[in-house]
Amino acid sequence: MIKNTKPDGYTPTIVKTTDDYVYVEYESPTMGFVDDVEFWFPPGDRSLVEYRSASRLGESDLDINRKRIKALRLELQKKGWASVGF
C-alpha cells in the first residue's frame, strides 16, 4: 500500500474496493478540495492497471493530478511494477 504521494500532500481515503477496482478520494490539505482517483485492473492481465486522477472542482488543478499519478507510478515501480508513462 502507498500511504503518501508527495508532492501533493493530499490525504487519501479509500472509498470503494472490489476485485478489479479501487476508488480513492484525495482531500487537499489547505482548501479541502477533493480529487477522485480510480484504478481498474482489467480481467486476464493482473500486471496491467488503468487509472485516472481528476479534480471535482475548478478550472485548473495546477498540474497536481499529473504529479500525483507520476508519484504513484514511481512508488509502484519501487515495488516491482512495470510502468509506461511520464
Foldseek 3Di string as FASTA:
>chain_A
DDQDQPPQRWGWDWDDDDPFKTWIWTAHPPPRWIKIKMWGQDPPDNLDIDMFIGTPDDDDPVCVRVSSVVSVVVVVVVVPRDDDDD
